[in-house]
């Protein structure tokens, strides 16, 4: 019996953490023939999706697929993402989250599991591969590195002030 991957559990846990803390969970996804997303929004073979409760309908985060409905340009679309295609899940507001190694598909076997003799060898990875990365935001100079209060939300790069929500009645 094969062991279940920990990846879908980490994705669900970080989604819950983002939601509990008022953050917007985003997933970075490598798009392939098994990924059902609006192709017009795919850039360089990847798409970033908002999987927050306000942006999705009928969200199901299973062990094999993440499925939901979302609106793109006012049109409701059905989204289906293999868990193996998820490269990262993170909070939009802070960038905190987790990145995953790309899933390795074994295309050198046929449906019965027997090796194919005419299949090309799997591509060799090299140090120049571009992979999604997450980085920590440096703390302001002179701040404590652990026991202090939570940092304030990030500022807007355009105005230097915190983003604000304006209620229009």
N, C-alpha and C. Protein backbone atom coordinates (compact mmCIF):
# COMPACT_ATOMS: atom_id res chain seq x y z
N UNK A 1 0.84 -1.17 0.00
CA UNK A 1 0.00 0.00 0.00
C UNK A 1 0.89 1.24 0.00
N UNK A 2 0.55 2.20 -0.84
CA UNK A 2 1.34 3.41 -0.89
C UNK A 2 0.84 4.42 0.13
N UNK A 3 1.77 5.20 0.62
CA UNK A 3 1.45 6.21 1.62
C UNK A 3 0.85 7.44 0.95
N UNK A 4 -0.15 8.05 1.57
CA UNK A 4 -0.78 9.25 1.06
C UNK A 4 0.17 10.43 1.19
N UNK A 5 0.19 11.28 0.18
CA UNK A 5 1.04 12.46 0.19
C UNK A 5 0.60 13.44 1.28
N UNK A 6 1.56 14.15 1.85
CA UNK A 6 1.24 15.17 2.86
C UNK A 6 0.83 16.49 2.21
N UNK A 7 1.09 16.65 0.93
CA UNK A 7 0.84 17.93 0.25
C UNK A 7 -0.60 18.42 0.37
N UNK A 8 -1.63 17.60 0.10
CA UNK A 8 -2.99 18.13 0.20
C UNK A 8 -3.35 18.55 1.64
N UNK A 9 -2.74 17.91 2.61
CA UNK A 9 -2.99 18.26 4.01
C UNK A 9 -2.36 19.61 4.35
N UNK A 10 -1.15 19.84 3.85
CA UNK A 10 -0.50 21.14 4.05
C UNK A 10 -1.29 22.25 3.37
N UNK A 11 -1.79 21.97 2.16
CA UNK A 11 -2.57 22.98 1.44
C UNK A 11 -3.83 23.33 2.21
N UNK A 12 -4.54 22.31 2.70
CA UNK A 12 -5.77 22.58 3.47
C UNK A 12 -5.46 23.33 4.76
N UNK A 13 -4.38 22.94 5.42
CA UNK A 13 -4.01 23.61 6.69
C UNK A 13 -3.65 25.07 6.45
N UNK A 14 -2.88 25.36 5.42
CA UNK A 14 -2.52 26.75 5.16
C UNK A 14 -3.71 27.57 4.67
N UNK A 15 -4.63 26.94 3.95
CA UNK A 15 -5.86 27.62 3.56
C UNK A 15 -6.65 28.02 4.81
N UNK A 16 -6.76 27.09 5.74
CA UNK A 16 -7.47 27.37 6.99
C UNK A 16 -6.77 28.46 7.80
N UNK A 17 -5.44 28.41 7.86
CA UNK A 17 -4.66 29.42 8.59
C UNK A 17 -4.89 30.80 7.98
N UNK A 18 -4.83 30.90 6.66
CA UNK A 18 -5.07 32.18 5.99
C UNK A 18 -6.47 32.70 6.32
N UNK A 19 -7.45 31.84 6.20
CA UNK A 19 -8.84 32.23 6.47
C UNK A 19 -9.03 32.67 7.92
N UNK A 20 -8.48 31.91 8.85
CA UNK A 20 -8.62 32.25 10.27
C UNK A 20 -7.97 33.59 10.62
N UNK A 21 -6.92 33.97 9.89
CA UNK A 21 -6.22 35.20 10.18
C UNK A 21 -6.65 36.37 9.31
N UNK A 22 -7.70 36.17 8.51
CA UNK A 22 -8.22 37.25 7.69
C UNK A 22 -7.39 37.51 6.44
N UNK A 23 -6.55 36.56 6.04
CA UNK A 23 -5.73 36.71 4.84
C UNK A 23 -6.42 36.05 3.65
N UNK A 24 -5.96 36.39 2.46
CA UNK A 24 -6.50 35.82 1.24
C UNK A 24 -5.56 34.73 0.74
N UNK A 25 -6.01 33.45 0.73
CA UNK A 25 -5.13 32.37 0.28
C UNK A 25 -5.05 32.33 -1.25
N UNK A 26 -3.84 32.32 -1.76
CA UNK A 26 -3.58 32.21 -3.19
C UNK A 26 -2.79 30.92 -3.43
N UNK A 27 -3.02 30.29 -4.58
CA UNK A 27 -2.20 29.15 -4.98
C UNK A 27 -1.56 29.47 -6.33
N UNK A 28 -0.28 29.14 -6.43
CA UNK A 28 0.44 29.21 -7.71
C UNK A 28 0.41 27.81 -8.30
N UNK A 29 -0.03 27.71 -9.55
CA UNK A 29 -0.28 26.41 -10.17
C UNK A 29 0.47 26.31 -11.50
N UNK A 30 1.14 25.17 -11.71
CA UNK A 30 1.73 24.86 -13.01
C UNK A 30 0.63 24.27 -13.87
N UNK A 31 0.39 24.87 -15.02
CA UNK A 31 -0.72 24.46 -15.87
C UNK A 31 -0.24 23.41 -16.88
N UNK A 32 -0.97 22.29 -16.92
CA UNK A 32 -0.70 21.25 -17.91
C UNK A 32 -2.04 20.77 -18.45
N UNK A 33 -2.02 19.65 -19.17
CA UNK A 33 -3.25 19.17 -19.80
C UNK A 33 -4.29 18.67 -18.79
N UNK A 34 -3.90 18.46 -17.54
CA UNK A 34 -4.83 17.99 -16.51
C UNK A 34 -5.43 19.14 -15.70
N UNK A 35 -4.99 20.35 -15.95
CA UNK A 35 -5.43 21.52 -15.19
C UNK A 35 -6.52 22.24 -15.97
N UNK A 36 -7.69 22.43 -15.34
CA UNK A 36 -8.81 23.10 -15.98
C UNK A 36 -8.91 24.51 -15.39
N UNK A 37 -8.37 25.47 -16.13
CA UNK A 37 -8.39 26.88 -15.75
C UNK A 37 -8.62 27.70 -17.01
N UNK A 38 -9.02 28.97 -16.88
CA UNK A 38 -9.15 29.81 -18.08
C UNK A 38 -7.77 30.02 -18.71
N UNK A 39 -7.55 29.46 -19.86
CA UNK A 39 -6.24 29.51 -20.52
C UNK A 39 -5.80 30.93 -20.86
N UNK A 40 -6.75 31.84 -21.00
CA UNK A 40 -6.38 33.22 -21.33
C UNK A 40 -5.69 33.93 -20.17
N UNK A 41 -5.75 33.35 -18.98
CA UNK A 41 -5.10 33.94 -17.80
C UNK A 41 -3.79 33.23 -17.44
N UNK A 42 -3.40 32.24 -18.23
CA UNK A 42 -2.16 31.51 -17.98
C UNK A 42 -0.99 32.30 -18.56
N UNK A 43 0.05 32.47 -17.75
CA UNK A 43 1.26 33.16 -18.20
C UNK A 43 2.47 32.29 -17.91
N UNK A 44 3.27 32.04 -18.91
CA UNK A 44 4.48 31.23 -18.77
C UNK A 44 4.18 29.86 -18.17
N UNK A 45 3.03 29.29 -18.53
CA UNK A 45 2.69 27.95 -18.04
C UNK A 45 2.22 27.90 -16.60
N UNK A 46 1.93 29.06 -16.01
CA UNK A 46 1.49 29.11 -14.62
C UNK A 46 0.29 30.05 -14.48
N UNK A 47 -0.45 29.85 -13.42
CA UNK A 47 -1.55 30.73 -13.07
C UNK A 47 -1.61 30.83 -11.55
N UNK A 48 -1.95 32.00 -11.06
CA UNK A 48 -2.15 32.20 -9.63
C UNK A 48 -3.63 32.40 -9.39
N UNK A 49 -4.19 31.63 -8.46
CA UNK A 49 -5.63 31.65 -8.21
C UNK A 49 -5.92 32.04 -6.77
N UNK A 50 -6.92 32.89 -6.60
CA UNK A 50 -7.43 33.25 -5.29
C UNK A 50 -8.40 32.14 -4.88
N UNK A 51 -8.09 31.44 -3.78
CA UNK A 51 -8.98 30.37 -3.33
C UNK A 51 -9.65 30.74 -2.00
N UNK A 52 -9.81 32.05 -1.78
CA UNK A 52 -10.48 32.53 -0.59
C UNK A 52 -11.97 32.27 -0.66
N UNK A 53 -12.63 32.32 0.48
CA UNK A 53 -14.06 32.00 0.54
C UNK A 53 -14.90 33.01 -0.23
N UNK A 54 -14.45 34.26 -0.35
CA UNK A 54 -15.22 35.25 -1.09
C UNK A 54 -15.02 35.15 -2.60
N UNK A 55 -13.98 34.47 -3.04
CA UNK A 55 -13.68 34.37 -4.46
C UNK A 55 -14.10 33.04 -5.07
N UNK A 56 -14.51 32.08 -4.25
CA UNK A 56 -14.83 30.75 -4.76
C UNK A 56 -16.24 30.35 -4.37
N UNK A 57 -16.77 29.40 -5.12
CA UNK A 57 -18.05 28.79 -4.82
C UNK A 57 -17.85 27.28 -4.94
N UNK A 58 -18.42 26.54 -4.01
CA UNK A 58 -18.34 25.07 -4.00
C UNK A 58 -16.90 24.58 -3.98
N UNK A 59 -16.06 25.19 -3.13
CA UNK A 59 -14.66 24.80 -3.02
C UNK A 59 -14.54 23.42 -2.37
N UNK A 60 -13.86 22.50 -3.06
CA UNK A 60 -13.57 21.17 -2.55
C UNK A 60 -12.07 20.96 -2.67
N UNK A 61 -11.42 20.78 -1.52
CA UNK A 61 -9.98 20.58 -1.51
C UNK A 61 -9.70 19.13 -1.15
N UNK A 62 -9.67 18.28 -2.16
CA UNK A 62 -9.48 16.85 -1.96
C UNK A 62 -8.00 16.48 -1.96
N UNK A 63 -7.74 15.20 -1.85
CA UNK A 63 -6.36 14.71 -1.87
C UNK A 63 -5.76 14.70 -3.27
N UNK A 64 -6.61 14.65 -4.30
CA UNK A 64 -6.12 14.59 -5.68
C UNK A 64 -6.35 15.89 -6.45
N UNK A 65 -7.48 16.57 -6.20
CA UNK A 65 -7.83 17.78 -6.94
C UNK A 65 -8.36 18.86 -6.01
N UNK A 66 -8.14 20.11 -6.41
CA UNK A 66 -8.80 21.27 -5.82
C UNK A 66 -9.79 21.73 -6.87
N UNK A 67 -11.08 21.74 -6.52
CA UNK A 67 -12.12 22.10 -7.48
C UNK A 67 -13.02 23.17 -6.90
N UNK A 68 -13.41 24.11 -7.75
CA UNK A 68 -14.30 25.19 -7.33
C UNK A 68 -14.81 25.94 -8.54
N UNK A 69 -15.75 26.83 -8.29
CA UNK A 69 -16.23 27.76 -9.31
C UNK A 69 -15.71 29.15 -8.95
N UNK A 70 -15.34 29.91 -9.97
CA UNK A 70 -14.88 31.28 -9.76
C UNK A 70 -15.29 32.11 -10.97
N UNK A 71 -15.37 33.41 -10.75
CA UNK A 71 -15.74 34.32 -11.83
C UNK A 71 -14.49 34.97 -12.41
N UNK A 72 -14.41 34.94 -13.72
CA UNK A 72 -13.34 35.59 -14.46
C UNK A 72 -14.01 36.51 -15.47
N UNK A 73 -13.80 37.82 -15.31
CA UNK A 73 -14.43 38.77 -16.21
C UNK A 73 -15.94 38.70 -16.15
N UNK A 74 -16.49 38.38 -14.98
CA UNK A 74 -17.93 38.31 -14.80
C UNK A 74 -18.56 37.00 -15.24
N UNK A 75 -17.76 36.06 -15.73
CA UNK A 75 -18.27 34.77 -16.20
C UNK A 75 -17.84 33.67 -15.23
N UNK A 76 -18.81 32.88 -14.76
CA UNK A 76 -18.51 31.79 -13.84
C UNK A 76 -17.84 30.65 -14.60
N UNK A 77 -16.72 30.18 -14.05
CA UNK A 77 -15.96 29.10 -14.68
C UNK A 77 -15.73 28.00 -13.65
N UNK A 78 -15.70 26.75 -14.11
CA UNK A 78 -15.37 25.61 -13.27
C UNK A 78 -13.87 25.43 -13.31
N UNK A 79 -13.22 25.36 -12.14
CA UNK A 79 -11.78 25.23 -12.03
C UNK A 79 -11.47 23.86 -11.41
N UNK A 80 -10.48 23.18 -11.97
CA UNK A 80 -10.03 21.90 -11.44
C UNK A 80 -8.51 21.85 -11.54
N UNK A 81 -7.86 21.76 -10.39
CA UNK A 81 -6.41 21.80 -10.33
C UNK A 81 -5.91 20.53 -9.63
N UNK A 82 -5.07 19.74 -10.30
CA UNK A 82 -4.48 18.58 -9.61
C UNK A 82 -3.59 19.08 -8.46
N UNK A 83 -3.68 18.45 -7.32
CA UNK A 83 -2.86 18.85 -6.17
C UNK A 83 -1.38 18.82 -6.53
N UNK A 84 -0.99 17.89 -7.38
CA UNK A 84 0.40 17.80 -7.80
C UNK A 84 0.87 19.01 -8.59
N UNK A 85 -0.05 19.77 -9.18
CA UNK A 85 0.31 20.95 -9.97
C UNK A 85 0.47 22.20 -9.11
N UNK A 86 0.08 22.14 -7.83
CA UNK A 86 0.19 23.30 -6.95
C UNK A 86 1.66 23.49 -6.60
N UNK A 87 2.19 24.66 -6.93
CA UNK A 87 3.59 24.97 -6.65
C UNK A 87 3.75 25.70 -5.32
N UNK A 88 2.71 26.44 -4.90
CA UNK A 88 2.80 27.18 -3.64
C UNK A 88 1.41 27.59 -3.19
N UNK A 89 1.26 27.76 -1.89
CA UNK A 89 0.06 28.38 -1.31
C UNK A 89 0.58 29.41 -0.33
N UNK A 90 -0.02 30.61 -0.39
CA UNK A 90 0.49 31.70 0.45
C UNK A 90 -0.60 32.73 0.70
N UNK A 91 -0.37 33.56 1.71
CA UNK A 91 -1.27 34.66 2.02
C UNK A 91 -0.89 35.85 1.15
N UNK A 92 -1.84 36.37 0.40
CA UNK A 92 -1.57 37.49 -0.49
C UNK A 92 -1.03 38.69 0.26
N UNK A 93 -1.55 38.94 1.44
CA UNK A 93 -1.19 40.14 2.18
C UNK A 93 0.21 40.11 2.77
N UNK A 94 0.71 38.92 3.12
CA UNK A 94 2.00 38.83 3.79
C UNK A 94 3.05 38.04 3.01
N UNK A 95 2.61 37.22 2.08
CA UNK A 95 3.53 36.35 1.36
C UNK A 95 3.91 35.10 2.14
N UNK A 96 3.41 34.95 3.37
CA UNK A 96 3.72 33.77 4.15
C UNK A 96 2.98 32.57 3.58
N UNK A 97 3.67 31.44 3.53
CA UNK A 97 3.05 30.25 2.99
C UNK A 97 4.06 29.15 2.82
N UNK A 98 3.83 28.31 1.82
CA UNK A 98 4.70 27.17 1.59
C UNK A 98 4.82 26.91 0.09
N UNK A 99 6.03 26.67 -0.36
CA UNK A 99 6.29 26.28 -1.75
C UNK A 99 6.56 24.79 -1.79
N UNK A 100 6.24 24.17 -2.91
CA UNK A 100 6.40 22.73 -3.07
C UNK A 100 7.29 22.44 -4.26
N UNK A 101 8.00 21.32 -4.18
CA UNK A 101 8.78 20.86 -5.31
C UNK A 101 7.82 20.46 -6.43
N UNK A 102 8.19 20.66 -7.68
CA UNK A 102 7.32 20.23 -8.78
C UNK A 102 7.11 18.72 -8.71
N UNK A 103 5.90 18.29 -9.02
CA UNK A 103 5.59 16.86 -9.03
C UNK A 103 6.32 16.21 -10.18
N UNK A 104 6.87 15.02 -9.94
CA UNK A 104 7.57 14.28 -10.97
C UNK A 104 6.63 13.22 -11.49
N UNK A 105 6.28 13.33 -12.76
CA UNK A 105 5.41 12.33 -13.40
C UNK A 105 6.29 11.32 -14.09
N UNK A 106 6.00 10.07 -13.90
CA UNK A 106 6.76 9.01 -14.56
C UNK A 106 6.07 8.65 -15.86
N UNK A 107 6.47 9.30 -16.95
CA UNK A 107 5.88 9.05 -18.25
C UNK A 107 6.62 7.95 -19.01
N UNK A 108 7.52 7.25 -18.33
CA UNK A 108 8.27 6.19 -19.01
C UNK A 108 7.60 4.83 -18.84
N UNK A 109 6.40 4.80 -18.26
CA UNK A 109 5.67 3.54 -18.11
C UNK A 109 4.34 3.66 -18.82
N UNK A 110 3.85 2.53 -19.32
CA UNK A 110 2.53 2.54 -19.93
C UNK A 110 1.47 2.30 -18.85
N UNK A 111 0.22 2.17 -19.24
CA UNK A 111 -0.88 2.03 -18.28
C UNK A 111 -0.73 0.80 -17.40
N UNK A 112 -0.06 -0.24 -17.88
CA UNK A 112 0.10 -1.45 -17.07
C UNK A 112 1.26 -1.35 -16.10
N UNK A 113 2.06 -0.28 -16.21
CA UNK A 113 3.22 -0.13 -15.34
C UNK A 113 4.50 -0.65 -15.95
N UNK A 114 4.39 -1.24 -17.17
CA UNK A 114 5.58 -1.75 -17.84
C UNK A 114 6.36 -0.60 -18.48
N UNK A 115 7.68 -0.65 -18.41
CA UNK A 115 8.46 0.43 -19.01
C UNK A 115 8.28 0.49 -20.53
N UNK A 116 8.23 1.73 -21.05
CA UNK A 116 8.17 1.92 -22.49
C UNK A 116 9.60 2.01 -22.99
N UNK A 117 9.90 1.32 -24.07
CA UNK A 117 11.27 1.31 -24.57
C UNK A 117 11.59 2.50 -25.45
N UNK A 118 10.56 3.10 -26.09
CA UNK A 118 10.82 4.22 -26.98
C UNK A 118 10.58 5.57 -26.33
N UNK A 119 10.33 5.60 -25.04
CA UNK A 119 10.07 6.88 -24.36
C UNK A 119 11.38 7.61 -24.14
N UNK A 120 11.37 8.94 -24.31
CA UNK A 120 12.59 9.70 -24.06
C UNK A 120 12.90 9.71 -22.57
N UNK A 121 14.17 9.89 -22.22
CA UNK A 121 14.51 9.93 -20.80
C UNK A 121 13.91 11.17 -20.15
N UNK A 122 13.64 11.13 -18.85
CA UNK A 122 13.09 12.32 -18.19
C UNK A 122 14.09 13.46 -18.28
N UNK A 123 13.58 14.70 -18.34
CA UNK A 123 14.48 15.84 -18.46
C UNK A 123 15.35 15.97 -17.22
N UNK A 124 16.59 16.35 -17.45
CA UNK A 124 17.52 16.56 -16.35
C UNK A 124 17.32 17.96 -15.81
N UNK A 125 17.28 18.09 -14.50
CA UNK A 125 17.14 19.42 -13.94
C UNK A 125 18.52 20.02 -13.81
N UNK A 126 18.58 21.31 -13.98
CA UNK A 126 19.84 22.01 -13.80
C UNK A 126 19.62 23.21 -12.88
N UNK A 127 20.68 23.84 -12.51
CA UNK A 127 20.61 24.93 -11.54
C UNK A 127 19.93 26.16 -12.10
N UNK A 128 19.70 26.22 -13.41
CA UNK A 128 19.10 27.42 -13.99
C UNK A 128 17.59 27.32 -14.08
N UNK A 129 16.99 26.19 -13.64
CA UNK A 129 15.52 26.09 -13.66
C UNK A 129 14.92 27.18 -12.80
N UNK A 130 13.88 27.83 -13.35
CA UNK A 130 13.19 28.84 -12.55
C UNK A 130 12.03 28.16 -11.85
N UNK A 131 12.02 28.26 -10.54
CA UNK A 131 10.96 27.68 -9.74
C UNK A 131 10.37 28.78 -8.88
N UNK A 132 9.09 28.67 -8.56
CA UNK A 132 8.52 29.69 -7.69
C UNK A 132 9.18 29.65 -6.32
N UNK A 133 9.42 30.80 -5.78
CA UNK A 133 10.03 30.87 -4.46
C UNK A 133 9.25 31.85 -3.59
N UNK A 134 9.29 31.59 -2.33
CA UNK A 134 8.73 32.51 -1.35
C UNK A 134 9.88 33.04 -0.53
N UNK A 135 9.82 34.30 -0.19
CA UNK A 135 10.89 34.86 0.63
C UNK A 135 10.27 35.63 1.79
N UNK A 136 11.04 35.73 2.85
CA UNK A 136 10.58 36.44 4.03
C UNK A 136 10.76 37.94 3.81
N UNK A 137 9.83 38.70 4.33
CA UNK A 137 9.94 40.15 4.27
C UNK A 137 10.81 40.58 5.44
N UNK A 138 11.89 41.34 5.20
CA UNK A 138 12.76 41.72 6.31
C UNK A 138 12.03 42.62 7.30
N UNK A 139 12.36 42.43 8.57
CA UNK A 139 11.77 43.26 9.62
C UNK A 139 12.35 44.66 9.52
N UNK A 140 11.58 45.68 9.91
CA UNK A 140 12.11 47.04 9.91
C UNK A 140 13.35 47.12 10.78
N UNK A 141 14.31 47.97 10.41
CA UNK A 141 15.55 48.07 11.17
C UNK A 141 15.27 48.50 12.60
N UNK A 142 16.01 47.92 13.52
CA UNK A 142 15.86 48.25 14.94
C UNK A 142 14.73 47.51 15.62
N UNK A 143 14.06 46.59 14.91
CA UNK A 143 12.96 45.87 15.56
C UNK A 143 13.48 44.59 16.19
N UNK A 144 12.73 44.09 17.16
CA UNK A 144 13.06 42.82 17.80
C UNK A 144 12.82 41.70 16.82
N UNK A 145 13.47 40.59 17.02
CA UNK A 145 13.29 39.47 16.10
C UNK A 145 12.54 38.32 16.73
N UNK A 146 11.58 38.60 17.57
CA UNK A 146 10.84 37.46 18.06
C UNK A 146 9.78 37.74 19.09
N UNK A 147 10.12 38.41 20.16
CA UNK A 147 9.20 38.51 21.27
C UNK A 147 8.28 39.72 21.22
N UNK A 148 8.42 40.56 20.21
CA UNK A 148 7.63 41.79 20.13
C UNK A 148 6.24 41.54 19.61
N UNK A 149 5.42 42.59 19.53
CA UNK A 149 4.06 42.44 19.00
C UNK A 149 4.10 42.17 17.50
N UNK A 150 2.96 41.73 16.98
CA UNK A 150 2.86 41.45 15.55
C UNK A 150 3.18 42.71 14.76
N UNK A 151 3.76 42.50 13.57
CA UNK A 151 4.09 43.61 12.69
C UNK A 151 2.81 44.19 12.09
N UNK A 152 2.78 45.48 11.80
CA UNK A 152 1.60 46.05 11.15
C UNK A 152 1.50 45.53 9.72
N UNK A 153 0.31 45.61 9.11
CA UNK A 153 0.16 45.16 7.73
C UNK A 153 1.10 45.94 6.80
N UNK A 154 1.45 45.34 5.67
CA UNK A 154 2.36 46.00 4.75
C UNK A 154 1.76 47.27 4.18
N UNK A 155 2.63 48.17 3.75
CA UNK A 155 2.16 49.43 3.18
C UNK A 155 2.06 49.30 1.68
N UNK A 156 1.28 50.17 1.08
CA UNK A 156 1.13 50.20 -0.37
C UNK A 156 2.38 50.80 -0.99
N UNK A 157 2.98 50.16 -1.99
CA UNK A 157 4.19 50.70 -2.59
C UNK A 157 3.94 52.01 -3.32
N UNK A 158 2.71 52.26 -3.76
CA UNK A 158 2.41 53.48 -4.50
C UNK A 158 2.32 54.70 -3.60
N UNK A 159 1.68 54.55 -2.45
CA UNK A 159 1.42 55.71 -1.60
C UNK A 159 2.21 55.69 -0.30
N UNK A 160 2.77 54.54 0.06
CA UNK A 160 3.50 54.45 1.32
C UNK A 160 2.59 54.30 2.52
N UNK A 161 1.29 54.27 2.31
CA UNK A 161 0.36 54.11 3.42
C UNK A 161 -0.31 52.75 3.34
N UNK A 162 -0.99 52.38 4.42
CA UNK A 162 -1.69 51.10 4.44
C UNK A 162 -2.86 51.14 3.48
N UNK A 163 -3.17 50.02 2.83
CA UNK A 163 -4.35 49.98 1.96
C UNK A 163 -5.60 50.20 2.81
N UNK A 164 -6.56 50.87 2.26
CA UNK A 164 -7.81 51.17 2.96
C UNK A 164 -8.99 50.70 2.11
N UNK A 165 -10.04 50.28 2.77
CA UNK A 165 -11.28 49.89 2.11
C UNK A 165 -12.25 51.03 2.28
N UNK A 166 -12.79 51.51 1.20
CA UNK A 166 -13.76 52.60 1.23
C UNK A 166 -15.14 52.01 0.99
N UNK A 167 -16.07 52.25 1.92
CA UNK A 167 -17.42 51.74 1.80
C UNK A 167 -18.24 52.77 1.04
N UNK A 168 -18.88 52.32 -0.03
CA UNK A 168 -19.71 53.20 -0.85
C UNK A 168 -21.14 52.73 -0.68
N UNK A 169 -22.02 53.66 -0.29
CA UNK A 169 -23.43 53.31 -0.07
C UNK A 169 -24.27 53.74 -1.24
